[in-house]
N, C-alpha and C. Protein backbone atom coordinates (compact mmCIF):
# COMPACT_ATOMS: atom_id res chain seq x y z
N LYS A 1 -59.73 17.31 195.42
CA LYS A 1 -59.72 16.64 194.10
C LYS A 1 -59.59 17.70 193.02
N ASN A 2 -58.75 17.42 192.06
CA ASN A 2 -58.56 18.28 190.89
C ASN A 2 -58.15 19.71 191.35
N VAL A 3 -57.18 19.81 192.21
CA VAL A 3 -56.67 21.06 192.72
C VAL A 3 -55.59 21.61 191.78
N LEU A 4 -55.57 22.89 191.57
CA LEU A 4 -54.54 23.52 190.75
C LEU A 4 -53.35 23.88 191.61
N LEU A 5 -52.19 23.42 191.23
CA LEU A 5 -50.96 23.83 191.88
C LEU A 5 -50.51 25.15 191.20
N LYS A 6 -50.74 26.24 191.90
CA LYS A 6 -50.41 27.56 191.34
C LYS A 6 -48.90 27.82 191.35
N ASP A 7 -48.24 27.36 192.43
CA ASP A 7 -46.81 27.57 192.58
C ASP A 7 -46.33 26.66 193.69
N PHE A 8 -45.03 26.52 193.80
CA PHE A 8 -44.45 25.73 194.89
C PHE A 8 -43.02 26.21 195.13
N LYS A 9 -42.52 25.87 196.31
CA LYS A 9 -41.15 26.24 196.65
C LYS A 9 -40.59 25.11 197.52
N ILE A 10 -39.42 24.62 197.12
CA ILE A 10 -38.73 23.59 197.88
C ILE A 10 -37.98 24.27 199.03
N VAL A 11 -38.23 23.80 200.24
CA VAL A 11 -37.65 24.44 201.44
C VAL A 11 -37.04 23.37 202.33
N GLY A 12 -36.42 23.86 203.38
CA GLY A 12 -35.83 22.98 204.39
C GLY A 12 -34.31 22.84 204.17
N LYS A 13 -33.62 22.64 205.24
CA LYS A 13 -32.15 22.46 205.22
C LYS A 13 -31.74 21.38 204.23
N ASN A 14 -32.50 20.28 204.25
CA ASN A 14 -32.16 19.14 203.35
C ASN A 14 -33.03 19.12 202.11
N LYS A 15 -33.74 20.23 201.84
CA LYS A 15 -34.65 20.29 200.71
C LYS A 15 -35.66 19.14 200.68
N ASN A 16 -36.25 18.89 201.89
CA ASN A 16 -37.15 17.78 202.02
C ASN A 16 -38.56 18.19 202.35
N ALA A 17 -38.90 19.45 202.03
CA ALA A 17 -40.27 19.93 202.23
C ALA A 17 -40.61 20.81 201.05
N ILE A 18 -41.89 20.79 200.65
CA ILE A 18 -42.33 21.58 199.54
C ILE A 18 -43.50 22.42 200.03
N LYS A 19 -43.40 23.72 199.90
CA LYS A 19 -44.45 24.65 200.22
C LYS A 19 -45.33 24.74 198.94
N LEU A 20 -46.62 24.51 199.10
CA LEU A 20 -47.52 24.44 197.93
C LEU A 20 -48.49 25.60 198.00
N TYR A 21 -48.77 26.20 196.88
CA TYR A 21 -49.76 27.25 196.77
C TYR A 21 -50.86 26.70 195.85
N LEU A 22 -52.04 26.40 196.46
CA LEU A 22 -53.08 25.64 195.81
C LEU A 22 -54.33 26.46 195.58
N GLU A 23 -55.12 26.06 194.57
CA GLU A 23 -56.42 26.70 194.30
C GLU A 23 -57.38 25.61 193.88
N ASP A 24 -58.59 25.57 194.52
CA ASP A 24 -59.57 24.55 194.15
C ASP A 24 -60.42 25.07 192.99
N GLU A 25 -61.38 24.25 192.57
CA GLU A 25 -62.19 24.55 191.40
C GLU A 25 -63.10 25.75 191.60
N GLN A 26 -63.34 26.12 192.88
CA GLN A 26 -64.18 27.31 193.19
C GLN A 26 -63.34 28.55 193.31
N GLY A 27 -62.02 28.44 193.17
CA GLY A 27 -61.12 29.61 193.24
C GLY A 27 -60.58 29.89 194.65
N THR A 28 -60.88 29.00 195.61
CA THR A 28 -60.39 29.19 196.96
C THR A 28 -58.92 28.81 196.99
N ARG A 29 -58.10 29.73 197.56
CA ARG A 29 -56.68 29.49 197.60
C ARG A 29 -56.27 29.13 199.03
N VAL A 30 -55.32 28.19 199.13
CA VAL A 30 -54.81 27.77 200.41
C VAL A 30 -53.34 27.39 200.24
N GLU A 31 -52.57 27.54 201.30
CA GLU A 31 -51.20 27.08 201.31
C GLU A 31 -51.14 25.70 201.88
N GLY A 32 -50.18 24.89 201.38
CA GLY A 32 -50.00 23.58 201.91
C GLY A 32 -48.54 23.24 202.05
N VAL A 33 -48.28 22.12 202.73
CA VAL A 33 -46.94 21.66 202.87
C VAL A 33 -46.89 20.14 202.62
N LEU A 34 -45.89 19.72 201.96
CA LEU A 34 -45.67 18.30 201.65
C LEU A 34 -44.25 17.97 202.10
N PHE A 35 -44.13 16.92 202.91
CA PHE A 35 -42.80 16.51 203.36
C PHE A 35 -42.32 15.37 202.45
N GLU A 36 -41.48 15.72 201.50
CA GLU A 36 -40.95 14.80 200.52
C GLU A 36 -39.69 15.40 199.95
N ASP A 37 -38.81 14.57 199.50
CA ASP A 37 -37.58 15.07 198.85
C ASP A 37 -37.96 15.94 197.66
N GLY A 38 -37.37 17.14 197.59
CA GLY A 38 -37.70 18.08 196.53
C GLY A 38 -37.40 17.55 195.14
N GLU A 39 -36.30 16.84 194.98
CA GLU A 39 -35.90 16.27 193.69
C GLU A 39 -36.92 15.22 193.23
N LYS A 40 -37.37 14.40 194.16
CA LYS A 40 -38.37 13.40 193.86
C LYS A 40 -39.66 14.06 193.38
N PHE A 41 -40.07 15.10 194.06
CA PHE A 41 -41.26 15.86 193.70
C PHE A 41 -41.13 16.41 192.29
N LEU A 42 -39.99 17.04 191.98
CA LEU A 42 -39.79 17.63 190.63
C LEU A 42 -39.82 16.54 189.56
N ASN A 43 -39.26 15.39 189.83
CA ASN A 43 -39.25 14.28 188.84
C ASN A 43 -40.66 13.81 188.55
N LYS A 44 -41.52 13.77 189.57
CA LYS A 44 -42.91 13.33 189.35
C LYS A 44 -43.74 14.38 188.67
N LYS A 45 -43.46 15.66 188.92
CA LYS A 45 -44.33 16.73 188.47
C LYS A 45 -44.32 16.90 186.95
N SER A 46 -43.21 16.94 186.35
CA SER A 46 -43.03 17.31 184.93
C SER A 46 -43.81 18.59 184.62
N SER A 47 -44.69 18.60 183.66
CA SER A 47 -45.43 19.84 183.31
C SER A 47 -46.85 19.88 183.89
N ARG A 48 -47.19 18.85 184.67
CA ARG A 48 -48.58 18.79 185.19
C ARG A 48 -48.79 19.77 186.34
N ASN A 49 -49.99 20.37 186.37
CA ASN A 49 -50.36 21.33 187.40
C ASN A 49 -51.60 20.97 188.16
N ARG A 50 -52.30 19.93 187.78
CA ARG A 50 -53.51 19.53 188.52
C ARG A 50 -53.20 18.28 189.33
N ILE A 51 -53.75 18.30 190.54
CA ILE A 51 -53.35 17.28 191.51
C ILE A 51 -54.54 16.86 192.37
N ASN A 52 -54.62 15.62 192.73
CA ASN A 52 -55.61 15.10 193.69
C ASN A 52 -54.84 14.87 195.00
N LEU A 53 -55.41 15.37 196.12
CA LEU A 53 -54.70 15.36 197.39
C LEU A 53 -55.42 14.64 198.49
N LEU A 54 -54.69 14.03 199.38
CA LEU A 54 -55.18 13.54 200.65
C LEU A 54 -54.43 14.37 201.70
N TYR A 55 -55.16 15.06 202.52
CA TYR A 55 -54.53 16.01 203.44
C TYR A 55 -55.32 16.16 204.72
N TYR A 56 -54.73 16.84 205.67
CA TYR A 56 -55.45 17.25 206.87
C TYR A 56 -55.16 18.73 207.14
N PRO A 57 -56.12 19.45 207.67
CA PRO A 57 -55.93 20.87 207.93
C PRO A 57 -55.12 21.12 209.22
N LYS A 58 -54.41 22.23 209.21
CA LYS A 58 -53.62 22.61 210.40
C LYS A 58 -53.60 24.13 210.47
N ILE A 59 -53.67 24.64 211.69
CA ILE A 59 -53.56 26.07 211.90
C ILE A 59 -52.10 26.41 212.09
N GLN A 60 -51.53 27.16 211.18
CA GLN A 60 -50.14 27.58 211.25
C GLN A 60 -50.06 28.92 211.92
N VAL A 61 -49.22 29.06 212.93
CA VAL A 61 -49.04 30.33 213.66
C VAL A 61 -47.60 30.81 213.42
N TYR A 62 -47.46 31.99 212.85
CA TYR A 62 -46.17 32.60 212.59
C TYR A 62 -46.27 34.08 212.91
N ASN A 63 -45.38 34.55 213.78
CA ASN A 63 -45.43 35.93 214.24
C ASN A 63 -46.80 36.30 214.80
N ASN A 64 -47.38 35.37 215.52
CA ASN A 64 -48.69 35.59 216.18
C ASN A 64 -49.87 35.73 215.17
N ILE A 65 -49.64 35.33 213.93
CA ILE A 65 -50.68 35.37 212.91
C ILE A 65 -51.07 33.93 212.57
N LYS A 66 -52.39 33.65 212.68
CA LYS A 66 -52.89 32.30 212.43
C LYS A 66 -53.35 32.22 210.95
N GLN A 67 -53.05 31.10 210.34
CA GLN A 67 -53.41 30.87 208.95
C GLN A 67 -53.67 29.38 208.75
N LEU A 68 -54.71 29.08 207.97
CA LEU A 68 -55.01 27.71 207.64
C LEU A 68 -53.97 27.18 206.65
N GLN A 69 -53.49 25.98 206.92
CA GLN A 69 -52.56 25.33 206.02
C GLN A 69 -52.98 23.88 205.90
N VAL A 70 -52.77 23.28 204.74
CA VAL A 70 -53.07 21.84 204.61
C VAL A 70 -51.74 21.09 204.62
N VAL A 71 -51.74 19.97 205.32
CA VAL A 71 -50.57 19.11 205.31
C VAL A 71 -50.90 17.92 204.43
N VAL A 72 -50.19 17.77 203.35
CA VAL A 72 -50.46 16.75 202.34
C VAL A 72 -49.79 15.45 202.76
N SER A 73 -50.61 14.37 202.84
CA SER A 73 -50.05 13.07 203.16
C SER A 73 -49.87 12.19 201.93
N GLU A 74 -50.74 12.37 200.97
CA GLU A 74 -50.65 11.63 199.68
C GLU A 74 -51.11 12.54 198.57
N TYR A 75 -50.55 12.33 197.36
CA TYR A 75 -51.00 13.10 196.22
C TYR A 75 -50.82 12.30 194.96
N PHE A 76 -51.63 12.63 193.97
CA PHE A 76 -51.59 11.94 192.69
C PHE A 76 -51.77 12.99 191.59
N TRP A 77 -50.86 13.02 190.66
CA TRP A 77 -50.97 13.96 189.57
C TRP A 77 -52.13 13.58 188.69
N LYS A 78 -52.91 14.55 188.33
CA LYS A 78 -54.06 14.34 187.44
C LYS A 78 -53.55 14.33 186.02
N GLU A 79 -53.90 13.30 185.28
CA GLU A 79 -53.50 13.18 183.90
C GLU A 79 -54.32 14.16 183.04
N ASP A 80 -53.65 14.78 182.07
CA ASP A 80 -54.34 15.72 181.18
C ASP A 80 -55.28 15.02 180.24
């Protein structure tokens, strides 16, 4: 709840995934992924950077390195 979207990157061959760089209110940072059309995400985002998320944790393994990642299933932009 009330997570800060520090940065994001639209990825995937069809630009249908968004890599999220998130920070909670305690300053804990975590990477996340959202499977949604990149253009749709940009249209919803506008200038807002605070977001409420519904997600599940996943251990991402890349080059034999394990890292916690959240997979976002639902999100709602927090109104300013």
